[in-house]
C-alpha atoms as a PDB file:
ATOM      1  CA  MET A   1     121.651 106.596 120.123  1.00  0.00           C
ATOM      2  CA  ASP A   2     117.976 107.518 120.035  1.00  0.00           C
ATOM      3  CA  LYS A   3     116.111 106.201 117.035  1.00  0.00           C
ATOM      4  CA  ALA A   4     114.760 108.696 114.524  1.00  0.00           C
ATOM      5  CA  HIS A   5     111.105 107.760 114.618  1.00  0.00           C
ATOM      6  CA  GLY A   6     108.935 107.823 111.541  1.00  0.00           C
ATOM      7  CA  GLN A   7     105.672 106.495 110.263  1.00  0.00           C
ATOM      8  CA  ILE A   8     105.131 104.124 107.362  1.00  0.00           C
ATOM      9  CA  SER A   9     102.390 105.617 105.225  1.00  0.00           C
ATOM     10  CA  LEU A  10     101.350 106.419 101.693  1.00  0.00           C
ATOM     11  CA  SER A  11     101.956 110.121 102.249  1.00  0.00           C
ATOM     12  CA  ASN A  12     105.453 109.552 103.639  1.00  0.00           C
ATOM     13  CA  ALA A  13     106.231 107.263 100.711  1.00  0.00           C
ATOM     14  CA  LEU A  14     105.235 110.110  98.391  1.00  0.00           C
ATOM     15  CA  GLY A  15     107.567 112.358 100.360  1.00  0.00           C
ATOM     16  CA  ALA A  16     110.354 109.837  99.847  1.00  0.00           C
ATOM     17  CA  ARG A  17     109.658 109.925  96.140  1.00  0.00           C
ATOM     18  CA  GLU A  18     110.337 113.660  96.095  1.00  0.00           C
ATOM     19  CA  ILE A  19     113.678 113.065  97.832  1.00  0.00           C
ATOM     20  CA  LEU A  20     114.691 110.284  95.455  1.00  0.00           C
ATOM     21  CA  LYS A  21     113.924 112.272  92.314  1.00  0.00           C
ATOM     22  CA  ASN A  22     117.231 114.050  92.895  1.00  0.00           C
ATOM     23  CA  PHE A  23     119.199 110.793  93.053  1.00  0.00           C
ATOM     24  CA  LEU A  24     117.538 107.909  91.186  1.00  0.00           C
ATOM     25  CA  ALA A  25     115.820 107.425  87.850  1.00  0.00           C
ATOM     26  CA  PRO A  26     112.824 105.056  87.685  1.00  0.00           C
ATOM     27  CA  THR A  27     113.960 101.499  87.003  1.00  0.00           C
ATOM     28  CA  PRO A  28     112.772  99.724  83.834  1.00  0.00           C
ATOM     29  CA  LEU A  29     109.636  97.609  83.763  1.00  0.00           C
ATOM     30  CA  ARG A  30     109.725  95.259  80.798  1.00  0.00           C
ATOM     31  CA  HIS A  31     107.347  92.791  79.214  1.00  0.00           C
ATOM     32  CA  TYR A  32     108.835  89.456  78.117  1.00  0.00           C
ATOM     33  CA  PRO A  33     106.684  87.442  75.666  1.00  0.00           C
ATOM     34  CA  SER A  34     108.787  84.316  76.267  1.00  0.00           C
ATOM     35  CA  LEU A  35     107.759  84.431  79.934  1.00  0.00           C
ATOM     36  CA  ASP A  36     104.130  84.768  78.851  1.00  0.00           C
ATOM     37  CA  ARG A  37     104.476  81.543  76.892  1.00  0.00           C
ATOM     38  CA  LEU A  38     106.211  79.835  79.788  1.00  0.00           C
ATOM     39  CA  THR A  39     103.621  80.758  82.428  1.00  0.00           C
ATOM     40  CA  GLY A  40     100.376  81.410  80.536  1.00  0.00           C
ATOM     41  CA  ALA A  41     100.214  84.835  82.201  1.00  0.00           C
ATOM     42  CA  GLN A  42     101.162  88.304  80.984  1.00  0.00           C
ATOM     43  CA  ILE A  43     104.503  88.831  82.715  1.00  0.00           C
ATOM     44  CA  PHE A  44     106.210  92.160  83.428  1.00  0.00           C
ATOM     45  CA  VAL A  45     109.553  92.353  85.224  1.00  0.00           C
ATOM     46  CA  LYS A  46     110.419  95.329  87.412  1.00  0.00           C
ATOM     47  CA  HIS A  47     114.194  95.598  87.133  1.00  0.00           C
ATOM     48  CA  GLU A  48     115.245  96.856  90.542  1.00  0.00           C
ATOM     49  CA  ASN A  49     118.547  95.139  89.761  1.00  0.00           C
ATOM     50  CA  HIS A  50     119.277  98.173  87.532  1.00  0.00           C
ATOM     51  CA  ASN A  51     119.463 100.498  90.539  1.00  0.00           C
ATOM     52  CA  PRO A  52     122.838 101.654  91.865  1.00  0.00           C
ATOM     53  CA  THR A  53     124.125  98.808  94.100  1.00  0.00           C
ATOM     54  CA  GLY A  54     121.963  96.382  92.093  1.00  0.00           C
ATOM     55  CA  THR A  55     118.948  96.241  94.427  1.00  0.00           C
ATOM     56  CA  PHE A  56     115.803  98.060  95.553  1.00  0.00           C
ATOM     57  CA  LYS A  57     117.426  98.764  98.908  1.00  0.00           C
ATOM     58  CA  ILE A  58     119.210 101.911  97.762  1.00  0.00           C
ATOM     59  CA  ARG A  59     115.801 103.632  97.671  1.00  0.00           C
ATOM     60  CA  GLY A  60     115.497 103.180 101.422  1.00  0.00           C
ATOM     61  CA  GLY A  61     119.127 103.959 102.131  1.00  0.00           C
ATOM     62  CA  ILE A  62     119.053 107.359 100.428  1.00  0.00           C
ATOM     63  CA  THR A  63     115.732 108.273 102.051  1.00  0.00           C
ATOM     64  CA  LEU A  64     117.012 107.405 105.518  1.00  0.00           C
ATOM     65  CA  MET A  65     120.364 109.181 105.146  1.00  0.00           C
ATOM     66  CA  HIS A  66     118.572 112.315 103.954  1.00  0.00           C
ATOM     67  CA  HIS A  67     116.650 112.401 107.243  1.00  0.00           C
ATOM     68  CA  LEU A  68     119.613 111.403 109.431  1.00  0.00           C
ATOM     69  CA  ARG A  69     121.820 114.161 108.039  1.00  0.00           C
ATOM     70  CA  LYS A  70     119.074 116.707 108.749  1.00  0.00           C
ATOM     71  CA  LYS A  71     119.135 115.489 112.368  1.00  0.00           C
ATOM     72  CA  GLY A  72     122.896 115.976 112.585  1.00  0.00           C
ATOM     73  CA  ILE A  73     123.800 112.291 112.853  1.00  0.00           C
ATOM     74  CA  LYS A  74     127.411 111.665 111.754  1.00  0.00           C
ATOM     75  CA  GLY A  75     127.745 107.886 111.579  1.00  0.00           C
ATOM     76  CA  VAL A  76     125.721 104.690 111.229  1.00  0.00           C
ATOM     77  CA  VAL A  77     126.141 100.979 111.876  1.00  0.00           C
ATOM     78  CA  THR A  78     124.158  98.052 110.511  1.00  0.00           C
ATOM     79  CA  TYR A  79     124.306  94.320 109.825  1.00  0.00           C
ATOM     80  CA  SER A  80     123.601  92.607 106.557  1.00  0.00           C
ATOM     81  CA  THR A  81     124.116  89.587 104.327  1.00  0.00           C
ATOM     82  CA  GLY A  82     125.406  92.121 101.786  1.00  0.00           C
ATOM     83  CA  ASN A  83     122.850  94.076  99.797  1.00  0.00           C
ATOM     84  CA  HIS A  84     121.416  96.109 102.675  1.00  0.00           C
ATOM     85  CA  GLY A  85     124.964  96.811 103.835  1.00  0.00           C
ATOM     86  CA  THR A  86     126.011  97.984 100.387  1.00  0.00           C
ATOM     87  CA  SER A  87     123.002 100.303 100.267  1.00  0.00           C
ATOM     88  CA  VAL A  88     123.762 101.761 103.704  1.00  0.00           C
ATOM     89  CA  ALA A  89     127.450 102.199 102.874  1.00  0.00           C
ATOM     90  CA  THR A  90     126.752 103.818  99.505  1.00  0.00           C
ATOM     91  CA  SER A  91     124.009 106.157 100.693  1.00  0.00           C
ATOM     92  CA  ALA A  92     125.930 107.141 103.833  1.00  0.00           C
ATOM     93  CA  LYS A  93     128.872 108.176 101.682  1.00  0.00           C
ATOM     94  CA  MET A  94     126.556 110.251  99.475  1.00  0.00           C
ATOM     95  CA  PHE A  95     125.482 112.253 102.528  1.00  0.00           C
ATOM     96  CA  GLY A  96     128.872 112.473 104.243  1.00  0.00           C
ATOM     97  CA  LEU A  97     128.156 109.985 107.043  1.00  0.00           C
ATOM     98  CA  THR A  98     130.551 107.284 108.182  1.00  0.00           C
ATOM     99  CA  ALA A  99     129.306 103.691 108.060  1.00  0.00           C
ATOM    100  CA  VAL A 100     130.194 100.403 109.761  1.00  0.00           C
ATOM    101  CA  VAL A 101     128.692  97.209 108.310  1.00  0.00           C
ATOM    102  CA  VAL A 102     128.795  93.828 110.043  1.00  0.00           C
ATOM    103  CA  VAL A 103     128.353  90.766 107.819  1.00  0.00           C
ATOM    104  CA  PRO A 104     128.364  87.057 108.659  1.00  0.00           C
ATOM    105  CA  GLU A 105     131.666  85.260 108.147  1.00  0.00           C
ATOM    106  CA  LYS A 106     132.166  83.768 104.668  1.00  0.00           C
ATOM    107  CA  SER A 107     129.653  86.150 103.089  1.00  0.00           C
ATOM    108  CA  ASN A 108     129.472  86.780  99.336  1.00  0.00           C
ATOM    109  CA  PRO A 109     132.909  88.241  98.457  1.00  0.00           C
ATOM    110  CA  LEU A 110     131.471  90.484  95.740  1.00  0.00           C
ATOM    111  CA  LYS A 111     129.091  92.091  98.226  1.00  0.00           C
ATOM    112  CA  MET A 112     131.798  92.495 100.845  1.00  0.00           C
ATOM    113  CA  GLN A 113     134.053  94.229  98.352  1.00  0.00           C
ATOM    114  CA  SER A 114     131.197  96.536  97.313  1.00  0.00           C
ATOM    115  CA  ILE A 115     130.723  97.577 100.936  1.00  0.00           C
ATOM    116  CA  LYS A 116     134.427  98.381 101.265  1.00  0.00           C
ATOM    117  CA  ASP A 117     134.490 100.160  97.906  1.00  0.00           C
ATOM    118  CA  ALA A 118     131.701 102.441  99.177  1.00  0.00           C
ATOM    119  CA  GLY A 119     134.017 103.555 101.972  1.00  0.00           C
ATOM    120  CA  ALA A 120     132.458 101.681 104.894  1.00  0.00           C
ATOM    121  CA  GLU A 121     134.281  99.748 107.577  1.00  0.00           C
ATOM    122  CA  LEU A 122     133.492  96.053 107.078  1.00  0.00           C
ATOM    123  CA  ILE A 123     133.464  93.628 110.014  1.00  0.00           C
ATOM    124  CA  GLU A 124     132.934  89.882 109.576  1.00  0.00           C
ATOM    125  CA  TYR A 125     131.288  88.298 112.594  1.00  0.00           C
ATOM    126  CA  GLY A 126     129.251  85.183 113.338  1.00  0.00           C
ATOM    127  CA  LYS A 127     127.850  82.428 111.182  1.00  0.00           C
ATOM    128  CA  ASP A 128     124.578  84.066 110.117  1.00  0.00           C
ATOM    129  CA  PHE A 129     122.469  87.230 109.843  1.00  0.00           C
ATOM    130  CA  GLU A 130     121.294  87.114 113.453  1.00  0.00           C
ATOM    131  CA  ALA A 131     124.785  86.618 114.901  1.00  0.00           C
ATOM    132  CA  ALA A 132     126.011  89.656 112.955  1.00  0.00           C
ATOM    133  CA  GLY A 133     123.164  91.631 114.499  1.00  0.00           C
ATOM    134  CA  ARG A 134     124.360  90.847 118.004  1.00  0.00           C
ATOM    135  CA  LYS A 135     127.744  92.382 117.210  1.00  0.00           C
ATOM    136  CA  VAL A 136     126.070  95.603 116.063  1.00  0.00           C
ATOM    137  CA  ALA A 137     124.541  96.231 119.481  1.00  0.00           C
ATOM    138  CA  GLN A 138     128.040  96.313 120.957  1.00  0.00           C
ATOM    139  CA  LEU A 139     129.360  98.711 118.293  1.00  0.00           C
ATOM    140  CA  GLU A 140     126.363 101.011 118.622  1.00  0.00           C
ATOM    141  CA  ASP A 141     127.117 101.563 122.294  1.00  0.00           C
ATOM    142  CA  GLU A 142     130.915 101.712 122.011  1.00  0.00           C
ATOM    143  CA  ARG A 143     131.052 104.180 119.135  1.00  0.00           C
ATOM    144  CA  GLY A 144     127.850 106.171 119.549  1.00  0.00           C
ATOM    145  CA  LEU A 145     126.568 105.302 116.080  1.00  0.00           C
ATOM    146  CA  TYR A 146     123.010 105.323 114.784  1.00  0.00           C
ATOM    147  CA  PHE A 147     121.810 101.741 114.308  1.00  0.00           C
ATOM    148  CA  VAL A 148     120.117 101.217 110.955  1.00  0.00           C
ATOM    149  CA  HIS A 149     117.913  98.185 111.474  1.00  0.00           C
ATOM    150  CA  PRO A 150     117.532  96.194 108.230  1.00  0.00           C
ATOM    151  CA  ALA A 151     113.753  95.935 108.679  1.00  0.00           C
ATOM    152  CA  ASN A 152     112.332  97.968 111.584  1.00  0.00           C
ATOM    153  CA  GLU A 153     113.097 101.372 110.083  1.00  0.00           C
ATOM    154  CA  ALA A 154     110.242 103.483 108.732  1.00  0.00           C
ATOM    155  CA  HIS A 155     112.340 105.705 106.448  1.00  0.00           C
ATOM    156  CA  LEU A 156     113.812 102.641 104.759  1.00  0.00           C
ATOM    157  CA  ILE A 157     110.364 101.212 104.067  1.00  0.00           C
ATOM    158  CA  ASN A 158     108.961 104.532 102.830  1.00  0.00           C
ATOM    159  CA  GLY A 159     111.886 104.814 100.444  1.00  0.00           C
ATOM    160  CA  VAL A 160     111.443 101.279  99.129  1.00  0.00           C
ATOM    161  CA  ALA A 161     107.735 101.990  98.635  1.00  0.00           C
ATOM    162  CA  THR A 162     108.550 104.401  95.795  1.00  0.00           C
ATOM    163  CA  GLU A 163     109.121 101.370  93.552  1.00  0.00           C
ATOM    164  CA  PHE A 164     105.422 100.561  93.648  1.00  0.00           C
ATOM    165  CA  PHE A 165     104.284 103.987  92.487  1.00  0.00           C
ATOM    166  CA  GLU A 166     106.403 103.413  89.389  1.00  0.00           C
ATOM    167  CA  ILE A 167     104.842  99.990  88.846  1.00  0.00           C
ATOM    168  CA  LEU A 168     101.283 101.294  89.110  1.00  0.00           C
ATOM    169  CA  GLU A 169     102.049 104.063  86.630  1.00  0.00           C
ATOM    170  CA  MET A 170     103.417 101.523  84.141  1.00  0.00           C
ATOM    171  CA  VAL A 171     100.907  98.682  84.677  1.00  0.00           C
ATOM    172  CA  PRO A 172      97.870 100.266  86.351  1.00  0.00           C
ATOM    173  CA  ASP A 173      95.633  97.244  85.669  1.00  0.00           C
ATOM    174  CA  MET A 174      97.981  94.643  87.165  1.00  0.00           C
ATOM    175  CA  ASP A 175      96.407  91.679  88.951  1.00  0.00           C
ATOM    176  CA  THR A 176      99.325  90.224  90.908  1.00  0.00           C
ATOM    177  CA  MET A 177     102.634  91.392  92.381  1.00  0.00           C
ATOM    178  CA  VAL A 178     105.334  88.831  93.254  1.00  0.00           C
ATOM    179  CA  ILE A 179     108.037  89.984  95.691  1.00  0.00           C
ATOM    180  CA  PRO A 180     110.914  88.355  97.590  1.00  0.00           C
ATOM    181  CA  ILE A 181     110.813  88.389 101.390  1.00  0.00           C
ATOM    182  CA  GLY A 182     113.810  88.270 103.676  1.00  0.00           C
ATOM    183  CA  ALA A 183     113.751  90.859 106.443  1.00  0.00           C
ATOM    184  CA  GLY A 184     110.491  92.079 104.905  1.00  0.00           C
ATOM    185  CA  SER A 185     110.963  95.781 104.135  1.00  0.00           C
ATOM    186  CA  GLU A 186     109.809  95.385 100.535  1.00  0.00           C
ATOM    187  CA  ALA A 187     106.738  93.368 101.498  1.00  0.00           C
ATOM    188  CA  ALA A 188     105.776  96.118 103.926  1.00  0.00           C
ATOM    189  CA  ALA A 189     106.391  98.735 101.231  1.00  0.00           C
ATOM    190  CA  ALA A 190     104.331  96.893  98.616  1.00  0.00           C
ATOM    191  CA  ILE A 191     101.391  96.549 100.967  1.00  0.00           C
ATOM    192  CA  THR A 192     101.624 100.206 102.024  1.00  0.00           C
ATOM    193  CA  VAL A 193     101.266 101.416  98.430  1.00  0.00           C
ATOM    194  CA  LEU A 194      99.426  98.750  96.460  1.00  0.00           C
ATOM    195  CA  LYS A 195      96.785  97.888  99.043  1.00  0.00           C
ATOM    196  CA  GLN A 196      96.040 101.566  99.647  1.00  0.00           C
ATOM    197  CA  ILE A 197      95.640 102.434  95.982  1.00  0.00           C
ATOM    198  CA  ARG A 198      94.309  99.174  94.500  1.00  0.00           C
ATOM    199  CA  PRO A 199      93.375  96.771  97.302  1.00  0.00           C
ATOM    200  CA  GLU A 200      92.257  94.083  94.857  1.00  0.00           C
ATOM    201  CA  ILE A 201      95.859  93.413  93.770  1.00  0.00           C
ATOM    202  CA  ASP A 202      97.186  90.095  95.076  1.00  0.00           C
ATOM    203  CA  ILE A 203     100.647  90.311  96.636  1.00  0.00           C
ATOM    204  CA  ILE A 204     102.572  87.034  96.755  1.00  0.00           C
ATOM    205  CA  GLY A 205     105.726  86.623  98.827  1.00  0.00           C
ATOM    206  CA  VAL A 206     108.668  84.331  98.058  1.00  0.00           C
ATOM    207  CA  GLN A 207     111.252  82.947 100.473  1.00  0.00           C
ATOM    208  CA  ALA A 208     113.873  80.202 100.641  1.00  0.00           C
ATOM    209  CA  GLU A 209     112.717  76.899 102.100  1.00  0.00           C
ATOM    210  CA  ALA A 210     116.062  76.630 103.896  1.00  0.00           C
ATOM    211  CA  SER A 211     115.490  80.021 105.592  1.00  0.00           C
ATOM    212  CA  SER A 212     111.745  80.141 106.086  1.00  0.00           C
ATOM    213  CA  ALA A 213     111.213  82.197 109.247  1.00  0.00           C
ATOM    214  CA  ALA A 214     109.114  84.868 107.517  1.00  0.00           C
ATOM    215  CA  TYR A 215     106.968  82.215 105.846  1.00  0.00           C
ATOM    216  CA  LEU A 216     106.447  80.316 109.103  1.00  0.00           C
ATOM    217  CA  SER A 217     105.603  83.551 110.911  1.00  0.00           C
ATOM    218  CA  TRP A 218     103.045  84.351 108.205  1.00  0.00           C
ATOM    219  CA  THR A 219     101.415  80.926 108.445  1.00  0.00           C
ATOM    220  CA  GLN A 220     101.287  81.031 112.252  1.00  0.00           C
ATOM    221  CA  LYS A 221     100.389  84.755 112.461  1.00  0.00           C
ATOM    222  CA  LYS A 222     103.106  85.329 115.038  1.00  0.00           C
ATOM    223  CA  ILE A 223     106.850  85.990 114.876  1.00  0.00           C
ATOM    224  CA  VAL A 224     108.854  82.791 115.002  1.00  0.00           C
ATOM    225  CA  SER A 225     112.473  81.813 114.388  1.00  0.00           C
ATOM    226  CA  ALA A 226     113.794  79.061 112.126  1.00  0.00           C
ATOM    227  CA  SER A 227     117.058  77.716 110.759  1.00  0.00           C
ATOM    228  CA  ASN A 228     118.756  80.028 108.258  1.00  0.00           C
ATOM    229  CA  THR A 229     120.979  78.167 105.819  1.00  0.00           C
ATOM    230  CA  SER A 230     120.016  79.330 102.295  1.00  0.00           C
ATOM    231  CA  PHE A 231     122.713  80.661  99.979  1.00  0.00           C
ATOM    232  CA  ALA A 232     120.233  83.299  98.767  1.00  0.00           C
ATOM    233  CA  GLY A 233     120.776  86.086 101.296  1.00  0.00           C
ATOM    234  CA  GLY A 234     117.957  88.329 100.071  1.00  0.00           C
ATOM    235  CA  VAL A 235     115.353  85.696 100.943  1.00  0.00           C
ATOM    236  CA  ALA A 236     117.106  84.367 104.043  1.00  0.00           C
ATOM    237  CA  THR A 237     116.511  85.384 107.630  1.00  0.00           C
ATOM    238  CA  GLY A 238     116.278  83.372 110.821  1.00  0.00           C
ATOM    239  CA  THR A 239     113.375  85.359 112.240  1.00  0.00           C
ATOM    240  CA  ALA A 240     110.613  87.710 111.175  1.00  0.00           C
ATOM    241  CA  TYR A 241     110.831  91.375 112.211  1.00  0.00           C
ATOM    242  CA  GLU A 242     108.145  93.268 114.039  1.00  0.00           C
ATOM    243  CA  VAL A 243     107.519  96.306 111.839  1.00  0.00           C
ATOM    244  CA  PRO A 244     107.312  94.653 108.398  1.00  0.00           C
ATOM    245  CA  PHE A 245     105.608  91.565 109.836  1.00  0.00           C
ATOM    246  CA  SER A 246     102.829  93.715 111.278  1.00  0.00           C
ATOM    247  CA  LEU A 247     102.020  94.692 107.684  1.00  0.00           C
ATOM    248  CA  TYR A 248     102.581  91.506 105.726  1.00  0.00           C
ATOM    249  CA  LYS A 249     101.056  89.043 108.192  1.00  0.00           C
ATOM    250  CA  ASN A 250      97.589  89.913 106.848  1.00  0.00           C
ATOM    251  CA  GLY A 251      98.526  91.659 103.608  1.00  0.00           C
ATOM    252  CA  LEU A 252      99.751  88.757 101.468  1.00  0.00           C
ATOM    253  CA  ALA A 253      97.520  86.648  99.245  1.00  0.00           C
ATOM    254  CA  ASP A 254     100.024  83.788  99.372  1.00  0.00           C
ATOM    255  CA  PHE A 255     103.595  82.921 100.262  1.00  0.00           C
ATOM    256  CA  ILE A 256     105.739  80.551  98.188  1.00  0.00           C
ATOM    257  CA  LEU A 257     108.819  78.635  99.330  1.00  0.00           C
ATOM    258  CA  LEU A 258     111.638  77.653  96.961  1.00  0.00           C
ATOM    259  CA  THR A 259     114.228  74.933  97.381  1.00  0.00           C
ATOM    260  CA  GLU A 260     117.911  75.724  96.924  1.00  0.00           C
ATOM    261  CA  GLU A 261     117.768  74.001  93.525  1.00  0.00           C
ATOM    262  CA  GLU A 262     114.803  76.144  92.503  1.00  0.00           C
ATOM    263  CA  LEU A 263     116.650  79.297  93.559  1.00  0.00           C
ATOM    264  CA  TYR A 264     119.565  78.360  91.323  1.00  0.00           C
ATOM    265  CA  GLN A 265     117.075  77.650  88.532  1.00  0.00           C
ATOM    266  CA  GLY A 266     115.691  81.164  88.973  1.00  0.00           C
ATOM    267  CA  ILE A 267     119.128  82.599  88.217  1.00  0.00           C
ATOM    268  CA  ALA A 268     119.337  80.478  85.057  1.00  0.00           C
ATOM    269  CA  LEU A 269     115.817  81.426  83.948  1.00  0.00           C
ATOM    270  CA  SER A 270     116.541  85.118  84.484  1.00  0.00           C
ATOM    271  CA  ALA A 271     119.646  84.920  82.338  1.00  0.00           C
ATOM    272  CA  HIS A 272     117.868  83.002  79.579  1.00  0.00           C
ATOM    273  CA  HIS A 273     114.653  85.013  79.347  1.00  0.00           C
ATOM    274  CA  THR A 274     115.661  88.524  80.405  1.00  0.00           C
ATOM    275  CA  ARG A 275     119.427  88.543  79.718  1.00  0.00           C
ATOM    276  CA  ASN A 276     120.027  89.686  83.301  1.00  0.00           C
ATOM    277  CA  LEU A 277     122.505  88.072  85.680  1.00  0.00           C
ATOM    278  CA  THR A 278     120.919  87.912  89.108  1.00  0.00           C
ATOM    279  CA  GLU A 279     121.693  86.410  92.480  1.00  0.00           C
ATOM    280  CA  GLY A 280     119.429  83.864  94.173  1.00  0.00           C
ATOM    281  CA  ALA A 281     116.954  86.389  95.507  1.00  0.00           C
ATOM    282  CA  GLY A 282     116.970  88.242  92.186  1.00  0.00           C
ATOM    283  CA  GLY A 283     115.634  85.278  90.242  1.00  0.00           C
ATOM    284  CA  ALA A 284     113.379  83.968  93.020  1.00  0.00           C
ATOM    285  CA  CYS A 285     110.178  85.674  91.936  1.00  0.00           C
ATOM    286  CA  LEU A 286     110.485  84.436  88.362  1.00  0.00           C
ATOM    287  CA  ARG A 287     111.010  80.870  89.558  1.00  0.00           C
ATOM    288  CA  ALA A 288     108.072  81.209  91.957  1.00  0.00           C
ATOM    289  CA  ALA A 289     105.809  82.475  89.154  1.00  0.00           C
ATOM    290  CA  LEU A 290     106.706  79.403  87.115  1.00  0.00           C
ATOM    291  CA  LYS A 291     105.994  77.192  90.132  1.00  0.00           C
ATOM    292  CA  ILE A 292     102.450  78.589  90.472  1.00  0.00           C
ATOM    293  CA  SER A 293     101.818  79.266  86.788  1.00  0.00           C
ATOM    294  CA  ASP A 294      98.501  77.407  86.867  1.00  0.00           C
ATOM    295  CA  ARG A 295      97.167  79.985  89.340  1.00  0.00           C
ATOM    296  CA  LEU A 296      98.557  82.947  87.387  1.00  0.00           C
ATOM    297  CA  HIS A 297      97.164  81.823  84.013  1.00  0.00           C
ATOM    298  CA  GLY A 298      95.533  84.706  82.150  1.00  0.00           C
ATOM    299  CA  LYS A 299      96.515  87.313  84.738  1.00  0.00           C
ATOM    300  CA  LYS A 300      98.653  90.425  84.419  1.00  0.00           C
ATOM    301  CA  VAL A 301     101.591  89.766  86.735  1.00  0.00           C
ATOM    302  CA  VAL A 302     104.486  91.992  87.823  1.00  0.00           C
ATOM    303  CA  ILE A 303     107.592  90.166  89.016  1.00  0.00           C
ATOM    304  CA  GLN A 304     110.198  91.979  91.065  1.00  0.00           C
ATOM    305  CA  MET A 305     113.805  91.320  90.048  1.00  0.00           C
ATOM    306  CA  SER A 306     116.331  92.678  92.519  1.00  0.00           C
ATOM    307  CA  GLY A 307     119.780  91.502  93.435  1.00  0.00           C
ATOM    308  CA  ALA A 308     122.450  91.695  90.746  1.00  0.00           C
ATOM    309  CA  ASN A 309     125.299  90.741  93.064  1.00  0.00           C
ATOM    310  CA  ALA A 310     125.779  87.031  92.434  1.00  0.00           C
ATOM    311  CA  SER A 311     129.060  85.420  93.379  1.00  0.00           C
ATOM    312  CA  GLY A 312     130.980  83.430  90.810  1.00  0.00           C
ATOM    313  CA  HIS A 313     130.029  80.245  92.655  1.00  0.00           C
ATOM    314  CA  GLU A 314     126.316  81.081  92.478  1.00  0.00           C
ATOM    315  CA  LEU A 315     126.506  81.681  88.733  1.00  0.00           C
ATOM    316  CA  GLN A 316     128.447  78.473  88.199  1.00  0.00           C
ATOM    317  CA  GLU A 317     125.882  76.455  90.142  1.00  0.00           C
ATOM    318  CA  ALA A 318     122.981  78.139  88.354  1.00  0.00           C
ATOM    319  CA  MET A 319     124.298  77.544  84.876  1.00  0.00           C
ATOM    320  CA  ALA A 320     124.781  73.863  85.695  1.00  0.00           C
ATOM    321  CA  GLN A 321     121.029  73.516  86.222  1.00  0.00           C
ATOM    322  CA  PRO A 322     119.181  71.449  83.595  1.00  0.00           C
ATOM    323  CA  CYS A 323     117.673  74.049  81.254  1.00  0.00           C
ATOM    324  CA  LEU A 324     116.146  73.256  77.884  1.00  0.00           C
ATOM    325  CA  ALA A 325     116.634  75.515  74.880  1.00  0.00           C
ATOM    326  CA  SER A 326     113.163  76.918  75.506  1.00  0.00           C
ATOM    327  CA  GLY A 327     114.281  78.101  78.927  1.00  0.00           C
ATOM    328  CA  VAL A 328     112.044  75.631  80.757  1.00  0.00           C
ATOM    329  CA  VAL A 329     113.809  74.085  83.710  1.00  0.00           C
ATOM    330  CA  GLY A 330     113.713  70.328  83.360  1.00  0.00           C
END
């Protein structure tokens, strides 16, 4: 089907905020003194994990479905490692659209069940994110569905951008924003809002070392592919995507990679310091802030926490990480 074209902009993000007022409350932004002591910075955590579906992605899903319903579209298809698919399934149901979600085989069972619970048809296909995407092209043609790309979709990014208005209202004098990067919609959203309103804010991206395509694309200033083997789906893609990459390739102050062990440590640190159970991507920004604490010393830092959909295996692995009583990973 023809794509519903849109433009990523500050004004369209404000329009998305008006739409979302009818569906979502602002998520909490909390200051944790124990994280200040751990990093030497003033740390605030934006709890996007408190959204419905447990991630920031629902902001984009609702915004997009609002526009698709106005255009008379009846059904959508997408691919996902889980959280994007849950957002699409949940928001499609809210607006009376059917949804088909393709996920890689052996995906997080909690996320797969959430997609089914939201009323979507779930299809397992391929070994990774990119293989699942190839299946979607077939379904789009066969069933006449609207393809919701996980990254190259302006309405999704404008919806996600509403998070950053809330952050600026709560911490207007922030110095640094730390965000996870997988497909890149949130990086694009952060740059769209923060760099327009306060261009001096440093935006730091975080990705898994085992799935570092976005990082490698950023360093080389061109889209490249790489192996994609991280357990942390929210910071795991095998390639960068054109629309978000066009924004974050020159909009980030830095980009941090985390090992699989560090990603598990981020889950443990989140539980210890914030009393929130997160998945790998959800704790990634906290672990990254600890990794670069010398550079953040004395600064006012906002850390994004999104992704509350950890599997039992992830939590078991995370809690086995060496963690002192102070919460410092040893």
